[in-house]
Amino acid sequence: MTNENANNLAKFLQASTRNNRENIPTNFGLLNALARPEATGLYFNGKTIHLDGYRFSGCRFDNCVLIMASTNFEMTNCVIDKTTSIRYAGGLSKVLQLFLSKYEWAPLHFPQPFIATQHSSGGISLEDRGE
Protein backbone atom coordinates (compact mmCIF):
# COMPACT_ATOMS: atom_id res chain seq x y z
CA MET A 1 0.00 0.00 0.00
CA THR A 2 1.40 3.41 -0.94
CA ASN A 3 1.70 6.24 1.59
CA GLU A 4 -1.19 8.05 -0.11
CA ASN A 5 -3.42 5.00 0.17
CA ALA A 6 -2.36 4.45 3.79
CA ASN A 7 -3.25 8.08 4.52
CA ASN A 8 -6.62 7.61 2.83
CA LEU A 9 -7.27 4.53 4.97
CA ALA A 10 -6.36 6.50 8.10
CA LYS A 11 -8.75 9.29 7.04
CA PHE A 12 -11.47 6.71 6.43
CA LEU A 13 -11.06 5.23 9.88
CA GLN A 14 -11.09 8.68 11.48
CA ALA A 15 -14.22 9.71 9.55
CA SER A 16 -15.82 6.37 10.33
CA THR A 17 -15.27 6.78 14.05
CA ARG A 18 -16.90 10.23 13.93
CA ASN A 19 -19.88 8.88 11.95
CA ASN A 20 -18.98 11.55 9.41
CA ARG A 21 -19.40 9.59 6.19
CA GLU A 22 -19.23 12.58 3.80
CA ASN A 23 -15.50 13.06 4.52
CA ILE A 24 -14.53 9.50 3.66
CA PRO A 25 -11.89 9.48 0.93
CA THR A 26 -12.73 7.42 -2.12
CA ASN A 27 -9.56 7.88 -4.18
CA PHE A 28 -7.68 4.64 -3.56
CA GLY A 29 -6.47 4.34 -7.14
CA LEU A 30 -7.32 1.77 -9.84
CA LEU A 31 -5.25 -1.05 -8.35
CA ASN A 32 -6.79 -0.65 -4.92
CA ALA A 33 -10.26 -0.39 -6.44
CA LEU A 34 -9.87 -4.08 -7.22
CA ALA A 35 -8.52 -4.96 -3.77
CA ARG A 36 -9.71 -3.97 -0.32
CA PRO A 37 -7.54 -1.40 1.45
CA GLU A 38 -5.79 -3.12 4.34
CA ALA A 39 -5.33 -2.18 7.97
CA THR A 40 -2.49 -4.26 9.40
CA GLY A 41 -1.50 -4.58 13.04
CA LEU A 42 -3.63 -1.70 14.26
CA TYR A 43 -5.06 -1.37 17.78
CA PHE A 44 -8.55 0.11 18.12
CA ASN A 45 -9.87 1.06 21.55
CA GLY A 46 -13.31 2.58 22.11
CA LYS A 47 -13.81 3.28 18.39
CA THR A 48 -16.75 2.79 16.04
CA ILE A 49 -15.47 1.05 12.92
CA HIS A 50 -17.39 0.46 9.68
CA LEU A 51 -15.93 -2.79 8.36
CA ASP A 52 -17.36 -2.79 4.83
CA GLY A 53 -14.84 -2.58 2.02
CA TYR A 54 -11.74 -3.18 4.13
CA ARG A 55 -9.33 -5.96 5.05
CA PHE A 56 -8.16 -6.11 8.66
CA SER A 57 -5.12 -8.24 9.41
CA GLY A 58 -3.60 -8.76 12.84
CA CYS A 59 -5.69 -5.96 14.36
CA ARG A 60 -7.15 -5.77 17.85
CA PHE A 61 -10.54 -4.28 18.77
CA ASP A 62 -11.13 -3.44 22.46
CA ASN A 63 -14.38 -1.87 23.65
CA CYS A 64 -15.31 -0.97 20.06
CA VAL A 65 -18.48 -0.97 17.99
CA LEU A 66 -18.04 -2.89 14.73
CA ILE A 67 -20.64 -2.10 12.08
CA MET A 68 -21.20 -4.19 8.97
CA ALA A 69 -23.77 -3.64 6.24
CA SER A 70 -22.46 -6.28 3.82
CA THR A 71 -20.10 -9.21 3.62
CA ASN A 72 -17.61 -7.08 1.70
CA PHE A 73 -14.81 -7.13 4.28
CA GLU A 74 -12.13 -9.49 5.53
CA MET A 75 -10.58 -10.20 8.90
CA THR A 76 -7.48 -12.32 9.35
CA ASN A 77 -6.03 -13.15 12.76
CA CYS A 78 -7.78 -10.26 14.54
CA VAL A 79 -8.67 -10.14 18.23
CA ILE A 80 -12.13 -8.89 19.20
CA ASP A 81 -12.50 -8.54 22.96
CA LYS A 82 -15.70 -9.37 24.84
CA THR A 83 -16.60 -5.70 25.37
CA THR A 84 -16.73 -5.01 21.62
CA SER A 85 -20.24 -5.01 20.17
CA ILE A 86 -21.16 -5.93 16.63
CA ARG A 87 -23.98 -4.17 14.76
CA TYR A 88 -25.59 -5.47 11.62
CA ALA A 89 -27.21 -3.26 8.99
CA GLY A 90 -28.38 -3.52 5.41
CA GLY A 91 -30.44 -6.69 5.84
CA LEU A 92 -27.63 -8.92 7.10
CA SER A 93 -29.84 -10.10 9.96
CA LYS A 94 -32.24 -11.64 7.41
CA VAL A 95 -29.53 -14.03 6.21
CA LEU A 96 -29.13 -15.36 9.74
CA GLN A 97 -32.90 -15.43 10.29
CA LEU A 98 -33.35 -17.68 7.27
CA PHE A 99 -30.48 -19.97 8.21
CA LEU A 100 -31.53 -20.29 11.86
CA SER A 101 -35.22 -20.80 11.01
CA LYS A 102 -34.44 -24.50 10.46
CA TYR A 103 -33.37 -25.04 14.06
CA GLU A 104 -35.87 -25.20 16.95
CA TRP A 105 -33.11 -24.46 19.46
CA ALA A 106 -32.05 -21.18 17.79
CA PRO A 107 -34.40 -18.84 19.75
CA LEU A 108 -32.86 -20.09 22.97
CA HIS A 109 -29.30 -19.29 21.90
CA PHE A 110 -29.41 -16.27 19.56
CA PRO A 111 -30.52 -12.64 20.05
CA GLN A 112 -33.96 -11.67 18.75
CA PRO A 113 -32.69 -9.77 15.66
CA PHE A 114 -31.46 -13.12 14.28
CA ILE A 115 -34.69 -15.06 14.82
CA ALA A 116 -37.36 -15.20 12.10
CA THR A 117 -40.94 -14.48 13.10
CA GLN A 118 -42.79 -17.80 13.34
CA HIS A 119 -46.48 -17.85 12.33
CA SER A 120 -49.14 -20.29 13.49
CA SER A 121 -49.57 -21.31 9.84
CA GLY A 122 -46.03 -22.72 9.92
CA GLY A 123 -44.69 -19.86 7.81
CA ILE A 124 -41.91 -17.46 8.71
CA SER A 125 -41.29 -13.77 8.09
CA LEU A 126 -37.81 -12.33 7.60
CA GLU A 127 -37.46 -8.72 8.70
CA ASP A 128 -34.57 -6.28 8.71
CA ARG A 129 -33.91 -5.91 12.40
CA GLY A 130 -30.39 -4.51 12.33
CA GLU A 131 -28.84 -4.44 15.75
C-alpha atoms as a PDB file:
ATOM      1  CA  MET A   1       0.000   0.000   0.000  1.00  0.00           C
ATOM      2  CA  THR A   2       1.399   3.408  -0.935  1.00  0.00           C
ATOM      3  CA  ASN A   3       1.701   6.245   1.586  1.00  0.00           C
ATOM      4  CA  GLU A   4      -1.190   8.051  -0.113  1.00  0.00           C
ATOM      5  CA  ASN A   5      -3.424   4.997   0.174  1.00  0.00           C
ATOM      6  CA  ALA A   6      -2.357   4.450   3.789  1.00  0.00           C
ATOM      7  CA  ASN A   7      -3.246   8.085   4.520  1.00  0.00           C
ATOM      8  CA  ASN A   8      -6.624   7.610   2.826  1.00  0.00           C
ATOM      9  CA  LEU A   9      -7.274   4.531   4.969  1.00  0.00           C
ATOM     10  CA  ALA A  10      -6.362   6.497   8.104  1.00  0.00           C
ATOM     11  CA  LYS A  11      -8.753   9.287   7.038  1.00  0.00           C
ATOM     12  CA  PHE A  12     -11.466   6.714   6.433  1.00  0.00           C
ATOM     13  CA  LEU A  13     -11.064   5.234   9.877  1.00  0.00           C
ATOM     14  CA  GLN A  14     -11.088   8.682  11.484  1.00  0.00           C
ATOM     15  CA  ALA A  15     -14.215   9.709   9.550  1.00  0.00           C
ATOM     16  CA  SER A  16     -15.816   6.370  10.327  1.00  0.00           C
ATOM     17  CA  THR A  17     -15.268   6.782  14.052  1.00  0.00           C
ATOM     18  CA  ARG A  18     -16.899  10.231  13.930  1.00  0.00           C
ATOM     19  CA  ASN A  19     -19.877   8.883  11.951  1.00  0.00           C
ATOM     20  CA  ASN A  20     -18.976  11.552   9.409  1.00  0.00           C
ATOM     21  CA  ARG A  21     -19.404   9.588   6.191  1.00  0.00           C
ATOM     22  CA  GLU A  22     -19.227  12.575   3.800  1.00  0.00           C
ATOM     23  CA  ASN A  23     -15.502  13.062   4.525  1.00  0.00           C
ATOM     24  CA  ILE A  24     -14.533   9.498   3.660  1.00  0.00           C
ATOM     25  CA  PRO A  25     -11.887   9.477   0.930  1.00  0.00           C
ATOM     26  CA  THR A  26     -12.735   7.418  -2.120  1.00  0.00           C
ATOM     27  CA  ASN A  27      -9.558   7.876  -4.179  1.00  0.00           C
ATOM     28  CA  PHE A  28      -7.676   4.639  -3.564  1.00  0.00           C
ATOM     29  CA  GLY A  29      -6.467   4.336  -7.143  1.00  0.00           C
ATOM     30  CA  LEU A  30      -7.320   1.767  -9.844  1.00  0.00           C
ATOM     31  CA  LEU A  31      -5.248  -1.053  -8.353  1.00  0.00           C
ATOM     32  CA  ASN A  32      -6.791  -0.647  -4.918  1.00  0.00           C
ATOM     33  CA  ALA A  33     -10.260  -0.388  -6.437  1.00  0.00           C
ATOM     34  CA  LEU A  34      -9.875  -4.078  -7.218  1.00  0.00           C
ATOM     35  CA  ALA A  35      -8.525  -4.958  -3.767  1.00  0.00           C
ATOM     36  CA  ARG A  36      -9.708  -3.972  -0.317  1.00  0.00           C
ATOM     37  CA  PRO A  37      -7.538  -1.397   1.451  1.00  0.00           C
ATOM     38  CA  GLU A  38      -5.790  -3.119   4.337  1.00  0.00           C
ATOM     39  CA  ALA A  39      -5.330  -2.175   7.969  1.00  0.00           C
ATOM     40  CA  THR A  40      -2.494  -4.257   9.403  1.00  0.00           C
ATOM     41  CA  GLY A  41      -1.496  -4.585  13.041  1.00  0.00           C
ATOM     42  CA  LEU A  42      -3.634  -1.700  14.264  1.00  0.00           C
ATOM     43  CA  TYR A  43      -5.065  -1.368  17.780  1.00  0.00           C
ATOM     44  CA  PHE A  44      -8.548   0.113  18.119  1.00  0.00           C
ATOM     45  CA  ASN A  45      -9.867   1.057  21.551  1.00  0.00           C
ATOM     46  CA  GLY A  46     -13.306   2.583  22.112  1.00  0.00           C
ATOM     47  CA  LYS A  47     -13.811   3.281  18.394  1.00  0.00           C
ATOM     48  CA  THR A  48     -16.747   2.793  16.040  1.00  0.00           C
ATOM     49  CA  ILE A  49     -15.465   1.048  12.916  1.00  0.00           C
ATOM     50  CA  HIS A  50     -17.393   0.464   9.682  1.00  0.00           C
ATOM     51  CA  LEU A  51     -15.928  -2.795   8.360  1.00  0.00           C
ATOM     52  CA  ASP A  52     -17.364  -2.794   4.833  1.00  0.00           C
ATOM     53  CA  GLY A  53     -14.845  -2.581   2.016  1.00  0.00           C
ATOM     54  CA  TYR A  54     -11.740  -3.182   4.128  1.00  0.00           C
ATOM     55  CA  ARG A  55      -9.334  -5.964   5.052  1.00  0.00           C
ATOM     56  CA  PHE A  56      -8.156  -6.113   8.657  1.00  0.00           C
ATOM     57  CA  SER A  57      -5.122  -8.237   9.411  1.00  0.00           C
ATOM     58  CA  GLY A  58      -3.601  -8.758  12.842  1.00  0.00           C
ATOM     59  CA  CYS A  59      -5.691  -5.962  14.365  1.00  0.00           C
ATOM     60  CA  ARG A  60      -7.145  -5.766  17.852  1.00  0.00           C
ATOM     61  CA  PHE A  61     -10.537  -4.284  18.770  1.00  0.00           C
ATOM     62  CA  ASP A  62     -11.135  -3.444  22.461  1.00  0.00           C
ATOM     63  CA  ASN A  63     -14.378  -1.872  23.651  1.00  0.00           C
ATOM     64  CA  CYS A  64     -15.309  -0.971  20.057  1.00  0.00           C
ATOM     65  CA  VAL A  65     -18.480  -0.972  17.988  1.00  0.00           C
ATOM     66  CA  LEU A  66     -18.036  -2.887  14.729  1.00  0.00           C
ATOM     67  CA  ILE A  67     -20.636  -2.103  12.076  1.00  0.00           C
ATOM     68  CA  MET A  68     -21.197  -4.188   8.966  1.00  0.00           C
ATOM     69  CA  ALA A  69     -23.767  -3.636   6.242  1.00  0.00           C
ATOM     70  CA  SER A  70     -22.461  -6.278   3.816  1.00  0.00           C
ATOM     71  CA  THR A  71     -20.100  -9.205   3.622  1.00  0.00           C
ATOM     72  CA  ASN A  72     -17.607  -7.075   1.698  1.00  0.00           C
ATOM     73  CA  PHE A  73     -14.811  -7.125   4.277  1.00  0.00           C
ATOM     74  CA  GLU A  74     -12.127  -9.487   5.529  1.00  0.00           C
ATOM     75  CA  MET A  75     -10.584 -10.201   8.900  1.00  0.00           C
ATOM     76  CA  THR A  76      -7.484 -12.316   9.353  1.00  0.00           C
ATOM     77  CA  ASN A  77      -6.033 -13.147  12.761  1.00  0.00           C
ATOM     78  CA  CYS A  78      -7.782 -10.260  14.538  1.00  0.00           C
ATOM     79  CA  VAL A  79      -8.667 -10.139  18.229  1.00  0.00           C
ATOM     80  CA  ILE A  80     -12.135  -8.890  19.195  1.00  0.00           C
ATOM     81  CA  ASP A  81     -12.500  -8.539  22.965  1.00  0.00           C
ATOM     82  CA  LYS A  82     -15.696  -9.366  24.845  1.00  0.00           C
ATOM     83  CA  THR A  83     -16.605  -5.700  25.366  1.00  0.00           C
ATOM     84  CA  THR A  84     -16.734  -5.006  21.623  1.00  0.00           C
ATOM     85  CA  SER A  85     -20.244  -5.008  20.173  1.00  0.00           C
ATOM     86  CA  ILE A  86     -21.164  -5.926  16.628  1.00  0.00           C
ATOM     87  CA  ARG A  87     -23.979  -4.172  14.765  1.00  0.00           C
ATOM     88  CA  TYR A  88     -25.589  -5.470  11.617  1.00  0.00           C
ATOM     89  CA  ALA A  89     -27.208  -3.260   8.988  1.00  0.00           C
ATOM     90  CA  GLY A  90     -28.382  -3.521   5.413  1.00  0.00           C
ATOM     91  CA  GLY A  91     -30.439  -6.687   5.844  1.00  0.00           C
ATOM     92  CA  LEU A  92     -27.629  -8.922   7.103  1.00  0.00           C
ATOM     93  CA  SER A  93     -29.837 -10.096   9.955  1.00  0.00           C
ATOM     94  CA  LYS A  94     -32.240 -11.644   7.407  1.00  0.00           C
ATOM     95  CA  VAL A  95     -29.530 -14.030   6.215  1.00  0.00           C
ATOM     96  CA  LEU A  96     -29.126 -15.360   9.736  1.00  0.00           C
ATOM     97  CA  GLN A  97     -32.902 -15.433  10.287  1.00  0.00           C
ATOM     98  CA  LEU A  98     -33.352 -17.682   7.267  1.00  0.00           C
ATOM     99  CA  PHE A  99     -30.478 -19.970   8.212  1.00  0.00           C
ATOM    100  CA  LEU A 100     -31.534 -20.290  11.856  1.00  0.00           C
ATOM    101  CA  SER A 101     -35.219 -20.797  11.015  1.00  0.00           C
ATOM    102  CA  LYS A 102     -34.438 -24.500  10.458  1.00  0.00           C
ATOM    103  CA  TYR A 103     -33.372 -25.038  14.063  1.00  0.00           C
ATOM    104  CA  GLU A 104     -35.866 -25.205  16.946  1.00  0.00           C
ATOM    105  CA  TRP A 105     -33.113 -24.463  19.464  1.00  0.00           C
ATOM    106  CA  ALA A 106     -32.048 -21.184  17.790  1.00  0.00           C
ATOM    107  CA  PRO A 107     -34.399 -18.838  19.752  1.00  0.00           C
ATOM    108  CA  LEU A 108     -32.856 -20.093  22.971  1.00  0.00           C
ATOM    109  CA  HIS A 109     -29.300 -19.290  21.900  1.00  0.00           C
ATOM    110  CA  PHE A 110     -29.413 -16.267  19.564  1.00  0.00           C
ATOM    111  CA  PRO A 111     -30.521 -12.642  20.051  1.00  0.00           C
ATOM    112  CA  GLN A 112     -33.964 -11.665  18.746  1.00  0.00           C
ATOM    113  CA  PRO A 113     -32.693  -9.772  15.657  1.00  0.00           C
ATOM    114  CA  PHE A 114     -31.464 -13.122  14.281  1.00  0.00           C
ATOM    115  CA  ILE A 115     -34.692 -15.056  14.822  1.00  0.00           C
ATOM    116  CA  ALA A 116     -37.364 -15.200  12.102  1.00  0.00           C
ATOM    117  CA  THR A 117     -40.941 -14.478  13.102  1.00  0.00           C
ATOM    118  CA  GLN A 118     -42.792 -17.803  13.345  1.00  0.00           C
ATOM    119  CA  HIS A 119     -46.479 -17.854  12.329  1.00  0.00           C
ATOM    120  CA  SER A 120     -49.143 -20.293  13.495  1.00  0.00           C
ATOM    121  CA  SER A 121     -49.568 -21.314   9.841  1.00  0.00           C
ATOM    122  CA  GLY A 122     -46.034 -22.716   9.921  1.00  0.00           C
ATOM    123  CA  GLY A 123     -44.694 -19.861   7.805  1.00  0.00           C
ATOM    124  CA  ILE A 124     -41.913 -17.457   8.711  1.00  0.00           C
ATOM    125  CA  SER A 125     -41.288 -13.774   8.094  1.00  0.00           C
ATOM    126  CA  LEU A 126     -37.813 -12.329   7.602  1.00  0.00           C
ATOM    127  CA  GLU A 127     -37.455  -8.721   8.702  1.00  0.00           C
ATOM    128  CA  ASP A 128     -34.572  -6.279   8.707  1.00  0.00           C
ATOM    129  CA  ARG A 129     -33.909  -5.907  12.398  1.00  0.00           C
ATOM    130  CA  GLY A 130     -30.391  -4.514  12.329  1.00  0.00           C
ATOM    131  CA  GLU A 131     -28.842  -4.439  15.746  1.00  0.00           C
END
